[in-house]
């Protein structure tokens, strides 16, 4: 009995559906059809190129590919380089990283690199240690740090598909009301009382609005936004916040409803919120450290309101050349 079979190459290609065409190829063919129809109707070449927003060389190249290979010739080619970078470490280095990471499962590449360089004389870069860690995690030999914090997978990057936008490098407030910095901090008082302190600071005038709450939810942040809009002497054009959960959901909806742009800072970059972070320290030591009133939210808010009048109307600020925030704002308006 004879057994005949297809070649291995045929088995690999048997699942390929020739009828499937990429969306890019279809779009390119559509532009070729539009170009041809424009030329047949008497349109000049330059006008046709401007209409389909494609250069002359690109159209000619697409025509050649379409005549030679059909619709599949218009599909984008792979951009994978011919020569792929290979690992620049040996098994001995990988084993040293693996043993040290297994002994200290919460250490990152920077700590591992420093210890291996100091104790083992390891002469590889920190990035190489990071690549080795990535490979060990992919192979399942070690667990990622997030695993030991109770997360099954790494934290996913935020998707900006609603009102909030990603903060762009170089953005800076030029007039009052632009990129008002909003943040919150937790304050622990005596007898176990915990306060969630929200504040908003204008980076131009340093005018600050604060309020104390008993929680830091997005509904609370939305309530604080109404207070900021009512007490700021100018209209809020845009706000910048960190990626905390308290500045999502209801807070994002409140900004959209009030037609206020909302920008979210990159992770681990408090220096971009420098004005409000500096205000955090001032309030922590000048107000909460010296507060000796009743430990109730109502009394605390009363004392905080008095201090904020002192802060905005009387206390000199070095950033304003020893002027007060409201006095500096009035000078800008004059």
C-alpha atoms as a PDB file:
ATOM      1  CA  UNK A   1       0.000   0.000   0.000  1.00  0.00           C
ATOM      2  CA  UNK A   2       1.313   3.423  -0.924  1.00  0.00           C
ATOM      3  CA  UNK A   3       0.661   6.477   1.263  1.00  0.00           C
ATOM      4  CA  UNK A   4       0.894   9.809  -0.428  1.00  0.00           C
ATOM      5  CA  UNK A   5       0.824  13.095   1.484  1.00  0.00           C
ATOM      6  CA  UNK A   6       1.355  16.786   0.915  1.00  0.00           C
ATOM      7  CA  UNK A   7       4.676  18.428   1.616  1.00  0.00           C
ATOM      8  CA  UNK A   8       5.242  20.173   4.956  1.00  0.00           C
ATOM      9  CA  UNK A   9       5.118  23.554   3.214  1.00  0.00           C
ATOM     10  CA  UNK A  10       1.652  22.743   1.887  1.00  0.00           C
ATOM     11  CA  UNK A  11       0.443  21.802   5.369  1.00  0.00           C
ATOM     12  CA  UNK A  12       1.686  25.128   6.708  1.00  0.00           C
ATOM     13  CA  UNK A  13      -0.137  27.069   4.015  1.00  0.00           C
ATOM     14  CA  UNK A  14      -3.360  25.070   4.003  1.00  0.00           C
ATOM     15  CA  UNK A  15      -5.020  27.368   6.568  1.00  0.00           C
ATOM     16  CA  UNK A  16      -4.267  30.578   4.657  1.00  0.00           C
ATOM     17  CA  UNK A  17      -7.421  32.094   3.211  1.00  0.00           C
ATOM     18  CA  UNK A  18      -6.491  33.893   0.009  1.00  0.00           C
ATOM     19  CA  UNK A  19      -9.763  35.780   0.136  1.00  0.00           C
ATOM     20  CA  UNK A  20      -8.719  37.643   3.278  1.00  0.00           C
ATOM     21  CA  UNK A  21      -7.314  41.045   2.403  1.00  0.00           C
ATOM     22  CA  UNK A  22      -5.971  43.631   4.823  1.00  0.00           C
ATOM     23  CA  UNK A  23      -7.850  46.883   5.340  1.00  0.00           C
ATOM     24  CA  UNK A  24      -4.771  48.813   4.188  1.00  0.00           C
ATOM     25  CA  UNK A  25      -4.783  47.010   0.832  1.00  0.00           C
ATOM     26  CA  UNK A  26      -8.477  47.759   0.318  1.00  0.00           C
ATOM     27  CA  UNK A  27      -7.932  51.427   1.157  1.00  0.00           C
ATOM     28  CA  UNK A  28      -5.042  51.649  -1.309  1.00  0.00           C
ATOM     29  CA  UNK A  29      -7.057  50.032  -4.080  1.00  0.00           C
ATOM     30  CA  UNK A  30      -9.887  52.450  -3.404  1.00  0.00           C
ATOM     31  CA  UNK A  31      -7.486  55.363  -3.819  1.00  0.00           C
ATOM     32  CA  UNK A  32      -6.238  53.897  -7.094  1.00  0.00           C
ATOM     33  CA  UNK A  33      -9.822  53.678  -8.336  1.00  0.00           C
ATOM     34  CA  UNK A  34     -10.504  57.269  -7.293  1.00  0.00           C
ATOM     35  CA  UNK A  35      -7.323  58.409  -9.011  1.00  0.00           C
ATOM     36  CA  UNK A  36      -8.282  56.618 -12.233  1.00  0.00           C
ATOM     37  CA  UNK A  37     -11.793  58.076 -12.210  1.00  0.00           C
ATOM     38  CA  UNK A  38     -10.453  61.578 -11.641  1.00  0.00           C
ATOM     39  CA  UNK A  39      -8.016  61.245 -14.537  1.00  0.00           C
ATOM     40  CA  UNK A  40     -10.719  59.894 -16.847  1.00  0.00           C
ATOM     41  CA  UNK A  41     -12.948  62.863 -16.002  1.00  0.00           C
ATOM     42  CA  UNK A  42     -10.252  65.267 -17.161  1.00  0.00           C
ATOM     43  CA  UNK A  43      -8.678  66.152 -13.814  1.00  0.00           C
ATOM     44  CA  UNK A  44      -4.990  67.011 -13.855  1.00  0.00           C
ATOM     45  CA  UNK A  45      -2.441  64.749 -12.178  1.00  0.00           C
ATOM     46  CA  UNK A  46      -1.471  67.276  -9.510  1.00  0.00           C
ATOM     47  CA  UNK A  47      -5.107  67.909  -8.601  1.00  0.00           C
ATOM     48  CA  UNK A  48      -5.774  64.153  -8.402  1.00  0.00           C
ATOM     49  CA  UNK A  49      -2.754  63.639  -6.150  1.00  0.00           C
ATOM     50  CA  UNK A  50      -3.958  66.409  -3.833  1.00  0.00           C
ATOM     51  CA  UNK A  51      -7.470  64.947  -3.755  1.00  0.00           C
ATOM     52  CA  UNK A  52      -6.378  61.475  -2.625  1.00  0.00           C
ATOM     53  CA  UNK A  53      -3.475  62.862  -0.526  1.00  0.00           C
ATOM     54  CA  UNK A  54      -0.896  60.528  -2.085  1.00  0.00           C
ATOM     55  CA  UNK A  55       2.335  61.423  -3.847  1.00  0.00           C
ATOM     56  CA  UNK A  56       3.100  60.670  -7.512  1.00  0.00           C
ATOM     57  CA  UNK A  57       5.804  58.102  -6.658  1.00  0.00           C
ATOM     58  CA  UNK A  58       3.488  56.238  -4.289  1.00  0.00           C
ATOM     59  CA  UNK A  59       0.692  55.983  -6.875  1.00  0.00           C
ATOM     60  CA  UNK A  60       3.092  54.646  -9.519  1.00  0.00           C
ATOM     61  CA  UNK A  61       4.496  52.108  -7.062  1.00  0.00           C
ATOM     62  CA  UNK A  62       0.994  50.929  -6.087  1.00  0.00           C
ATOM     63  CA  UNK A  63       0.047  50.572  -9.766  1.00  0.00           C
ATOM     64  CA  UNK A  64       3.095  48.383 -10.401  1.00  0.00           C
ATOM     65  CA  UNK A  65       2.407  46.184  -7.373  1.00  0.00           C
ATOM     66  CA  UNK A  66      -1.272  45.861  -8.258  1.00  0.00           C
ATOM     67  CA  UNK A  67      -0.529  44.797 -11.846  1.00  0.00           C
ATOM     68  CA  UNK A  68       2.099  42.274 -10.718  1.00  0.00           C
ATOM     69  CA  UNK A  69       0.474  40.708  -7.644  1.00  0.00           C
ATOM     70  CA  UNK A  70      -3.133  41.866  -7.550  1.00  0.00           C
ATOM     71  CA  UNK A  71      -4.831  43.091  -4.378  1.00  0.00           C
ATOM     72  CA  UNK A  72      -2.346  41.210  -2.163  1.00  0.00           C
ATOM     73  CA  UNK A  73       0.500  43.247  -3.598  1.00  0.00           C
ATOM     74  CA  UNK A  74      -0.968  46.336  -1.926  1.00  0.00           C
ATOM     75  CA  UNK A  75      -0.735  44.830   1.557  1.00  0.00           C
ATOM     76  CA  UNK A  76       2.007  46.437   3.692  1.00  0.00           C
ATOM     77  CA  UNK A  77       5.178  44.427   3.956  1.00  0.00           C
ATOM     78  CA  UNK A  78       6.650  43.316   7.243  1.00  0.00           C
ATOM     79  CA  UNK A  79       8.897  45.875   8.916  1.00  0.00           C
ATOM     80  CA  UNK A  80      10.804  43.223  10.852  1.00  0.00           C
ATOM     81  CA  UNK A  81      14.578  43.773  10.366  1.00  0.00           C
ATOM     82  CA  UNK A  82      16.550  41.159   8.470  1.00  0.00           C
ATOM     83  CA  UNK A  83      19.051  40.909  11.314  1.00  0.00           C
ATOM     84  CA  UNK A  84      17.378  40.636  14.725  1.00  0.00           C
ATOM     85  CA  UNK A  85      19.318  41.513  17.835  1.00  0.00           C
ATOM     86  CA  UNK A  86      20.440  38.410  19.715  1.00  0.00           C
ATOM     87  CA  UNK A  87      20.965  38.118  23.486  1.00  0.00           C
ATOM     88  CA  UNK A  88      24.346  39.506  24.550  1.00  0.00           C
ATOM     89  CA  UNK A  89      24.636  37.488  27.758  1.00  0.00           C
ATOM     90  CA  UNK A  90      25.648  33.904  28.467  1.00  0.00           C
ATOM     91  CA  UNK A  91      23.992  31.227  30.571  1.00  0.00           C
ATOM     92  CA  UNK A  92      26.265  31.930  33.543  1.00  0.00           C
ATOM     93  CA  UNK A  93      25.063  35.553  33.792  1.00  0.00           C
ATOM     94  CA  UNK A  94      21.453  34.460  33.377  1.00  0.00           C
ATOM     95  CA  UNK A  95      21.874  31.888  36.142  1.00  0.00           C
ATOM     96  CA  UNK A  96      23.332  34.489  38.531  1.00  0.00           C
ATOM     97  CA  UNK A  97      20.395  36.815  37.920  1.00  0.00           C
ATOM     98  CA  UNK A  98      17.964  33.931  38.347  1.00  0.00           C
ATOM     99  CA  UNK A  99      19.444  32.761  41.655  1.00  0.00           C
ATOM    100  CA  UNK A 100      19.542  36.249  43.166  1.00  0.00           C
ATOM    101  CA  UNK A 101      16.002  37.054  42.014  1.00  0.00           C
ATOM    102  CA  UNK A 102      14.690  33.754  43.371  1.00  0.00           C
ATOM    103  CA  UNK A 103      16.255  34.600  46.733  1.00  0.00           C
ATOM    104  CA  UNK A 104      14.833  38.140  46.689  1.00  0.00           C
ATOM    105  CA  UNK A 105      11.621  37.983  44.585  1.00  0.00           C
ATOM    106  CA  UNK A 106      10.715  41.673  45.054  1.00  0.00           C
ATOM    107  CA  UNK A 107      13.979  43.134  43.833  1.00  0.00           C
ATOM    108  CA  UNK A 108      13.950  44.976  40.520  1.00  0.00           C
ATOM    109  CA  UNK A 109      16.592  45.197  37.834  1.00  0.00           C
ATOM    110  CA  UNK A 110      18.337  48.195  39.420  1.00  0.00           C
ATOM    111  CA  UNK A 111      18.824  46.492  42.784  1.00  0.00           C
ATOM    112  CA  UNK A 112      19.843  43.185  41.206  1.00  0.00           C
ATOM    113  CA  UNK A 113      22.333  44.917  38.929  1.00  0.00           C
ATOM    114  CA  UNK A 114      23.906  46.854  41.820  1.00  0.00           C
ATOM    115  CA  UNK A 115      24.328  43.738  43.994  1.00  0.00           C
ATOM    116  CA  UNK A 116      25.688  41.586  41.160  1.00  0.00           C
ATOM    117  CA  UNK A 117      28.143  44.289  40.123  1.00  0.00           C
ATOM    118  CA  UNK A 118      29.331  44.767  43.699  1.00  0.00           C
ATOM    119  CA  UNK A 119      29.527  41.135  44.865  1.00  0.00           C
ATOM    120  CA  UNK A 120      29.999  39.150  41.637  1.00  0.00           C
ATOM    121  CA  UNK A 121      31.853  41.678  39.513  1.00  0.00           C
ATOM    122  CA  UNK A 122      29.123  41.487  36.856  1.00  0.00           C
ATOM    123  CA  UNK A 123      30.042  43.662  33.866  1.00  0.00           C
ATOM    124  CA  UNK A 124      26.712  43.995  32.064  1.00  0.00           C
ATOM    125  CA  UNK A 125      24.366  46.958  31.882  1.00  0.00           C
ATOM    126  CA  UNK A 126      21.245  47.484  33.951  1.00  0.00           C
ATOM    127  CA  UNK A 127      19.136  47.147  30.788  1.00  0.00           C
ATOM    128  CA  UNK A 128      20.637  43.725  30.153  1.00  0.00           C
ATOM    129  CA  UNK A 129      19.612  42.602  33.632  1.00  0.00           C
ATOM    130  CA  UNK A 130      16.123  43.877  32.843  1.00  0.00           C
ATOM    131  CA  UNK A 131      16.019  41.863  29.600  1.00  0.00           C
ATOM    132  CA  UNK A 132      17.133  38.749  31.465  1.00  0.00           C
ATOM    133  CA  UNK A 133      14.366  39.286  34.017  1.00  0.00           C
ATOM    134  CA  UNK A 134      11.832  39.718  31.220  1.00  0.00           C
ATOM    135  CA  UNK A 135      12.931  36.454  29.652  1.00  0.00           C
ATOM    136  CA  UNK A 136      12.806  34.582  32.990  1.00  0.00           C
ATOM    137  CA  UNK A 137       9.285  35.878  33.628  1.00  0.00           C
ATOM    138  CA  UNK A 138       8.197  34.856  30.124  1.00  0.00           C
ATOM    139  CA  UNK A 139       9.604  31.350  30.684  1.00  0.00           C
ATOM    140  CA  UNK A 140       7.784  31.118  34.020  1.00  0.00           C
ATOM    141  CA  UNK A 141      10.936  30.626  36.068  1.00  0.00           C
ATOM    142  CA  UNK A 142      10.274  33.699  38.223  1.00  0.00           C
ATOM    143  CA  UNK A 143       7.132  35.656  39.059  1.00  0.00           C
ATOM    144  CA  UNK A 144       6.641  39.365  38.330  1.00  0.00           C
ATOM    145  CA  UNK A 145       6.622  41.713  41.310  1.00  0.00           C
ATOM    146  CA  UNK A 146       2.910  42.428  40.865  1.00  0.00           C
ATOM    147  CA  UNK A 147       2.234  38.743  41.647  1.00  0.00           C
ATOM    148  CA  UNK A 148       3.415  39.203  45.239  1.00  0.00           C
ATOM    149  CA  UNK A 149       1.157  42.243  45.664  1.00  0.00           C
ATOM    150  CA  UNK A 150      -1.915  40.187  44.843  1.00  0.00           C
ATOM    151  CA  UNK A 151      -2.214  41.114  41.154  1.00  0.00           C
ATOM    152  CA  UNK A 152      -2.343  38.281  38.652  1.00  0.00           C
ATOM    153  CA  UNK A 153      -1.039  40.459  35.844  1.00  0.00           C
ATOM    154  CA  UNK A 154       0.852  43.711  35.414  1.00  0.00           C
ATOM    155  CA  UNK A 155      -1.058  46.973  35.565  1.00  0.00           C
ATOM    156  CA  UNK A 156      -2.368  47.939  32.160  1.00  0.00           C
ATOM    157  CA  UNK A 157      -1.820  51.375  30.757  1.00  0.00           C
ATOM    158  CA  UNK A 158      -4.790  53.706  30.889  1.00  0.00           C
ATOM    159  CA  UNK A 159      -6.818  54.069  27.701  1.00  0.00           C
ATOM    160  CA  UNK A 160      -7.896  57.659  27.048  1.00  0.00           C
ATOM    161  CA  UNK A 161     -11.183  57.155  25.214  1.00  0.00           C
ATOM    162  CA  UNK A 162     -13.365  59.573  27.198  1.00  0.00           C
ATOM    163  CA  UNK A 163     -13.075  63.217  28.301  1.00  0.00           C
ATOM    164  CA  UNK A 164      -9.639  62.985  29.968  1.00  0.00           C
ATOM    165  CA  UNK A 165      -6.549  63.404  27.795  1.00  0.00           C
ATOM    166  CA  UNK A 166      -2.929  62.448  28.210  1.00  0.00           C
ATOM    167  CA  UNK A 167      -0.689  65.288  29.419  1.00  0.00           C
ATOM    168  CA  UNK A 168       1.828  66.233  26.726  1.00  0.00           C
ATOM    169  CA  UNK A 169       5.424  67.158  27.371  1.00  0.00           C
ATOM    170  CA  UNK A 170       6.023  70.895  27.432  1.00  0.00           C
ATOM    171  CA  UNK A 171       2.519  71.915  28.499  1.00  0.00           C
ATOM    172  CA  UNK A 172       2.665  74.953  30.766  1.00  0.00           C
ATOM    173  CA  UNK A 173       0.100  77.386  32.143  1.00  0.00           C
ATOM    174  CA  UNK A 174       0.418  80.914  30.754  1.00  0.00           C
ATOM    175  CA  UNK A 175      -2.668  82.648  32.145  1.00  0.00           C
ATOM    176  CA  UNK A 176      -4.738  82.129  35.313  1.00  0.00           C
ATOM    177  CA  UNK A 177      -7.138  79.212  34.974  1.00  0.00           C
ATOM    178  CA  UNK A 178      -4.945  77.097  32.733  1.00  0.00           C
ATOM    179  CA  UNK A 179      -3.713  73.687  33.928  1.00  0.00           C
ATOM    180  CA  UNK A 180      -4.898  74.203  37.511  1.00  0.00           C
ATOM    181  CA  UNK A 181      -3.194  71.497  39.568  1.00  0.00           C
ATOM    182  CA  UNK A 182      -5.553  69.331  41.644  1.00  0.00           C
ATOM    183  CA  UNK A 183      -4.409  66.709  44.145  1.00  0.00           C
ATOM    184  CA  UNK A 184      -5.323  65.086  47.441  1.00  0.00           C
ATOM    185  CA  UNK A 185      -3.369  63.835  50.449  1.00  0.00           C
ATOM    186  CA  UNK A 186      -4.192  61.752  53.520  1.00  0.00           C
ATOM    187  CA  UNK A 187      -3.733  63.318  56.962  1.00  0.00           C
ATOM    188  CA  UNK A 188      -3.715  61.270  60.185  1.00  0.00           C
ATOM    189  CA  UNK A 189      -4.727  63.221  63.297  1.00  0.00           C
ATOM    190  CA  UNK A 190      -4.907  62.172  66.922  1.00  0.00           C
ATOM    191  CA  UNK A 191      -7.180  59.383  68.131  1.00  0.00           C
ATOM    192  CA  UNK A 192      -7.127  57.632  64.762  1.00  0.00           C
ATOM    193  CA  UNK A 193      -8.935  60.376  62.847  1.00  0.00           C
ATOM    194  CA  UNK A 194      -8.052  60.327  59.141  1.00  0.00           C
ATOM    195  CA  UNK A 195      -8.702  63.235  56.764  1.00  0.00           C
ATOM    196  CA  UNK A 196      -8.668  63.297  52.977  1.00  0.00           C
ATOM    197  CA  UNK A 197      -7.478  66.752  52.017  1.00  0.00           C
ATOM    198  CA  UNK A 198      -8.278  67.996  48.479  1.00  0.00           C
ATOM    199  CA  UNK A 199      -6.669  71.094  47.050  1.00  0.00           C
ATOM    200  CA  UNK A 200      -6.419  73.002  43.788  1.00  0.00           C
ATOM    201  CA  UNK A 201      -3.600  75.454  43.006  1.00  0.00           C
ATOM    202  CA  UNK A 202      -3.274  77.824  40.081  1.00  0.00           C
ATOM    203  CA  UNK A 203       0.364  77.581  38.922  1.00  0.00           C
ATOM    204  CA  UNK A 204       0.344  81.196  37.700  1.00  0.00           C
ATOM    205  CA  UNK A 205      -1.161  83.084  40.666  1.00  0.00           C
ATOM    206  CA  UNK A 206      -0.683  80.396  43.400  1.00  0.00           C
ATOM    207  CA  UNK A 207      -4.319  80.960  44.492  1.00  0.00           C
ATOM    208  CA  UNK A 208      -5.325  77.774  46.322  1.00  0.00           C
ATOM    209  CA  UNK A 209      -8.673  76.245  47.268  1.00  0.00           C
ATOM    210  CA  UNK A 210      -8.772  73.454  49.870  1.00  0.00           C
ATOM    211  CA  UNK A 211     -11.334  71.295  51.603  1.00  0.00           C
ATOM    212  CA  UNK A 212     -11.242  68.384  54.039  1.00  0.00           C
ATOM    213  CA  UNK A 213     -13.360  65.254  53.517  1.00  0.00           C
ATOM    214  CA  UNK A 214     -13.729  61.878  55.158  1.00  0.00           C
ATOM    215  CA  UNK A 215     -13.170  59.890  51.931  1.00  0.00           C
ATOM    216  CA  UNK A 216     -11.392  60.251  48.598  1.00  0.00           C
ATOM    217  CA  UNK A 217     -13.895  58.884  46.080  1.00  0.00           C
ATOM    218  CA  UNK A 218     -14.597  60.275  42.632  1.00  0.00           C
ATOM    219  CA  UNK A 219     -17.919  61.670  43.913  1.00  0.00           C
ATOM    220  CA  UNK A 220     -15.998  63.601  46.562  1.00  0.00           C
ATOM    221  CA  UNK A 221     -13.605  64.933  43.929  1.00  0.00           C
ATOM    222  CA  UNK A 222     -16.596  66.044  41.826  1.00  0.00           C
ATOM    223  CA  UNK A 223     -18.004  67.950  44.841  1.00  0.00           C
ATOM    224  CA  UNK A 224     -14.628  69.583  45.369  1.00  0.00           C
ATOM    225  CA  UNK A 225     -14.576  70.684  41.720  1.00  0.00           C
ATOM    226  CA  UNK A 226     -17.789  72.655  42.304  1.00  0.00           C
ATOM    227  CA  UNK A 227     -16.153  74.383  45.284  1.00  0.00           C
ATOM    228  CA  UNK A 228     -13.086  75.252  43.211  1.00  0.00           C
ATOM    229  CA  UNK A 229     -15.225  76.721  40.430  1.00  0.00           C
ATOM    230  CA  UNK A 230     -17.157  78.824  42.946  1.00  0.00           C
ATOM    231  CA  UNK A 231     -14.128  80.172  44.856  1.00  0.00           C
ATOM    232  CA  UNK A 232     -11.544  80.712  42.133  1.00  0.00           C
ATOM    233  CA  UNK A 233     -11.725  84.354  40.938  1.00  0.00           C
ATOM    234  CA  UNK A 234     -11.263  83.264  37.309  1.00  0.00           C
ATOM    235  CA  UNK A 235     -12.768  80.695  34.959  1.00  0.00           C
ATOM    236  CA  UNK A 236     -11.209  77.237  34.898  1.00  0.00           C
ATOM    237  CA  UNK A 237     -10.038  76.377  31.398  1.00  0.00           C
ATOM    238  CA  UNK A 238      -8.143  73.154  32.119  1.00  0.00           C
ATOM    239  CA  UNK A 239      -7.086  70.927  35.016  1.00  0.00           C
ATOM    240  CA  UNK A 240      -4.186  68.526  35.431  1.00  0.00           C
ATOM    241  CA  UNK A 241      -4.250  65.585  37.864  1.00  0.00           C
ATOM    242  CA  UNK A 242      -2.318  62.413  38.545  1.00  0.00           C
ATOM    243  CA  UNK A 243      -3.679  59.001  37.612  1.00  0.00           C
ATOM    244  CA  UNK A 244      -5.494  58.378  40.919  1.00  0.00           C
ATOM    245  CA  UNK A 245      -8.873  56.638  40.858  1.00  0.00           C
ATOM    246  CA  UNK A 246     -10.456  59.599  42.674  1.00  0.00           C
ATOM    247  CA  UNK A 247     -10.018  61.675  39.507  1.00  0.00           C
ATOM    248  CA  UNK A 248     -11.925  59.303  37.242  1.00  0.00           C
ATOM    249  CA  UNK A 249     -15.591  58.410  36.774  1.00  0.00           C
ATOM    250  CA  UNK A 250     -17.694  61.139  38.441  1.00  0.00           C
ATOM    251  CA  UNK A 251     -14.865  63.683  38.468  1.00  0.00           C
ATOM    252  CA  UNK A 252     -14.204  63.172  34.766  1.00  0.00           C
ATOM    253  CA  UNK A 253     -17.926  63.491  34.019  1.00  0.00           C
ATOM    254  CA  UNK A 254     -18.108  66.701  36.073  1.00  0.00           C
ATOM    255  CA  UNK A 255     -15.228  68.219  34.092  1.00  0.00           C
ATOM    256  CA  UNK A 256     -16.902  67.282  30.816  1.00  0.00           C
ATOM    257  CA  UNK A 257     -20.216  68.750  31.971  1.00  0.00           C
ATOM    258  CA  UNK A 258     -18.505  72.015  32.981  1.00  0.00           C
ATOM    259  CA  UNK A 259     -16.540  72.138  29.703  1.00  0.00           C
ATOM    260  CA  UNK A 260     -13.185  71.962  31.517  1.00  0.00           C
ATOM    261  CA  UNK A 261     -10.314  70.143  29.824  1.00  0.00           C
ATOM    262  CA  UNK A 262      -8.801  67.376  31.959  1.00  0.00           C
ATOM    263  CA  UNK A 263      -5.186  66.252  31.509  1.00  0.00           C
ATOM    264  CA  UNK A 264      -3.688  63.228  33.275  1.00  0.00           C
ATOM    265  CA  UNK A 265       0.014  63.273  34.163  1.00  0.00           C
ATOM    266  CA  UNK A 266       2.347  60.355  33.413  1.00  0.00           C
ATOM    267  CA  UNK A 267       2.891  57.823  36.242  1.00  0.00           C
ATOM    268  CA  UNK A 268       5.493  58.560  38.928  1.00  0.00           C
ATOM    269  CA  UNK A 269       6.026  62.200  37.963  1.00  0.00           C
ATOM    270  CA  UNK A 270       5.066  64.391  40.967  1.00  0.00           C
ATOM    271  CA  UNK A 271       7.475  67.074  39.773  1.00  0.00           C
ATOM    272  CA  UNK A 272       4.974  67.963  37.046  1.00  0.00           C
ATOM    273  CA  UNK A 273       2.490  68.837  39.806  1.00  0.00           C
ATOM    274  CA  UNK A 274       5.091  70.847  41.703  1.00  0.00           C
ATOM    275  CA  UNK A 275       2.890  73.761  42.810  1.00  0.00           C
ATOM    276  CA  UNK A 276       0.226  71.644  44.482  1.00  0.00           C
ATOM    277  CA  UNK A 277       2.814  69.230  45.906  1.00  0.00           C
ATOM    278  CA  UNK A 278       4.629  72.169  47.541  1.00  0.00           C
ATOM    279  CA  UNK A 279       1.296  73.341  48.913  1.00  0.00           C
ATOM    280  CA  UNK A 280       0.824  69.882  50.423  1.00  0.00           C
ATOM    281  CA  UNK A 281       3.931  70.339  52.528  1.00  0.00           C
ATOM    282  CA  UNK A 282       2.970  73.864  53.582  1.00  0.00           C
ATOM    283  CA  UNK A 283      -0.489  72.812  54.739  1.00  0.00           C
ATOM    284  CA  UNK A 284       0.811  69.698  56.453  1.00  0.00           C
ATOM    285  CA  UNK A 285       3.221  71.676  58.670  1.00  0.00           C
ATOM    286  CA  UNK A 286       1.661  75.129  58.918  1.00  0.00           C
ATOM    287  CA  UNK A 287      -1.934  73.999  59.500  1.00  0.00           C
ATOM    288  CA  UNK A 288      -2.393  70.340  60.434  1.00  0.00           C
ATOM    289  CA  UNK A 289       0.763  70.163  62.563  1.00  0.00           C
ATOM    290  CA  UNK A 290      -0.426  73.155  64.625  1.00  0.00           C
ATOM    291  CA  UNK A 291      -4.161  72.389  64.682  1.00  0.00           C
ATOM    292  CA  UNK A 292      -5.405  72.079  68.270  1.00  0.00           C
ATOM    293  CA  UNK A 293      -9.177  72.360  67.782  1.00  0.00           C
ATOM    294  CA  UNK A 294     -11.906  69.767  68.140  1.00  0.00           C
ATOM    295  CA  UNK A 295     -11.439  66.550  66.180  1.00  0.00           C
ATOM    296  CA  UNK A 296     -14.561  66.899  64.093  1.00  0.00           C
ATOM    297  CA  UNK A 297     -14.897  67.507  60.377  1.00  0.00           C
ATOM    298  CA  UNK A 298     -17.053  70.625  60.867  1.00  0.00           C
ATOM    299  CA  UNK A 299     -14.584  72.340  63.225  1.00  0.00           C
ATOM    300  CA  UNK A 300     -11.657  71.324  61.060  1.00  0.00           C
ATOM    301  CA  UNK A 301     -13.277  72.866  57.983  1.00  0.00           C
ATOM    302  CA  UNK A 302     -13.899  76.128  59.832  1.00  0.00           C
ATOM    303  CA  UNK A 303     -10.273  76.362  60.894  1.00  0.00           C
ATOM    304  CA  UNK A 304      -9.111  75.425  57.407  1.00  0.00           C
ATOM    305  CA  UNK A 305     -11.245  78.181  55.852  1.00  0.00           C
ATOM    306  CA  UNK A 306      -9.627  80.773  58.148  1.00  0.00           C
ATOM    307  CA  UNK A 307      -6.162  79.520  57.278  1.00  0.00           C
ATOM    308  CA  UNK A 308      -6.860  79.634  53.536  1.00  0.00           C
ATOM    309  CA  UNK A 309      -7.847  83.302  53.814  1.00  0.00           C
ATOM    310  CA  UNK A 310      -4.510  83.883  55.523  1.00  0.00           C
ATOM    311  CA  UNK A 311      -2.741  81.854  52.836  1.00  0.00           C
ATOM    312  CA  UNK A 312      -4.286  83.649  49.852  1.00  0.00           C
ATOM    313  CA  UNK A 313      -4.647  87.209  51.205  1.00  0.00           C
ATOM    314  CA  UNK A 314      -1.883  87.784  53.775  1.00  0.00           C
ATOM    315  CA  UNK A 315       0.936  85.219  53.603  1.00  0.00           C
ATOM    316  CA  UNK A 316       3.830  86.307  51.265  1.00  0.00           C
ATOM    317  CA  UNK A 317       4.982  83.771  48.678  1.00  0.00           C
ATOM    318  CA  UNK A 318       8.574  83.530  47.550  1.00  0.00           C
ATOM    319  CA  UNK A 319       7.477  82.314  44.106  1.00  0.00           C
ATOM    320  CA  UNK A 320       5.572  85.612  43.687  1.00  0.00           C
ATOM    321  CA  UNK A 321       8.477  87.801  44.827  1.00  0.00           C
ATOM    322  CA  UNK A 322       7.019  87.974  48.373  1.00  0.00           C
ATOM    323  CA  UNK A 323       3.607  89.054  47.119  1.00  0.00           C
ATOM    324  CA  UNK A 324       0.277  87.469  48.085  1.00  0.00           C
ATOM    325  CA  UNK A 325      -1.655  85.350  45.538  1.00  0.00           C
ATOM    326  CA  UNK A 326      -4.672  87.663  45.266  1.00  0.00           C
ATOM    327  CA  UNK A 327      -2.512  90.771  45.131  1.00  0.00           C
ATOM    328  CA  UNK A 328      -0.456  89.217  42.328  1.00  0.00           C
ATOM    329  CA  UNK A 329      -3.631  88.275  40.457  1.00  0.00           C
ATOM    330  CA  UNK A 330      -4.988  91.819  40.725  1.00  0.00           C
ATOM    331  CA  UNK A 331      -1.719  93.134  39.281  1.00  0.00           C
ATOM    332  CA  UNK A 332      -2.096  90.793  36.318  1.00  0.00           C
ATOM    333  CA  UNK A 333      -5.595  92.059  35.677  1.00  0.00           C
ATOM    334  CA  UNK A 334      -4.532  95.729  35.809  1.00  0.00           C
END
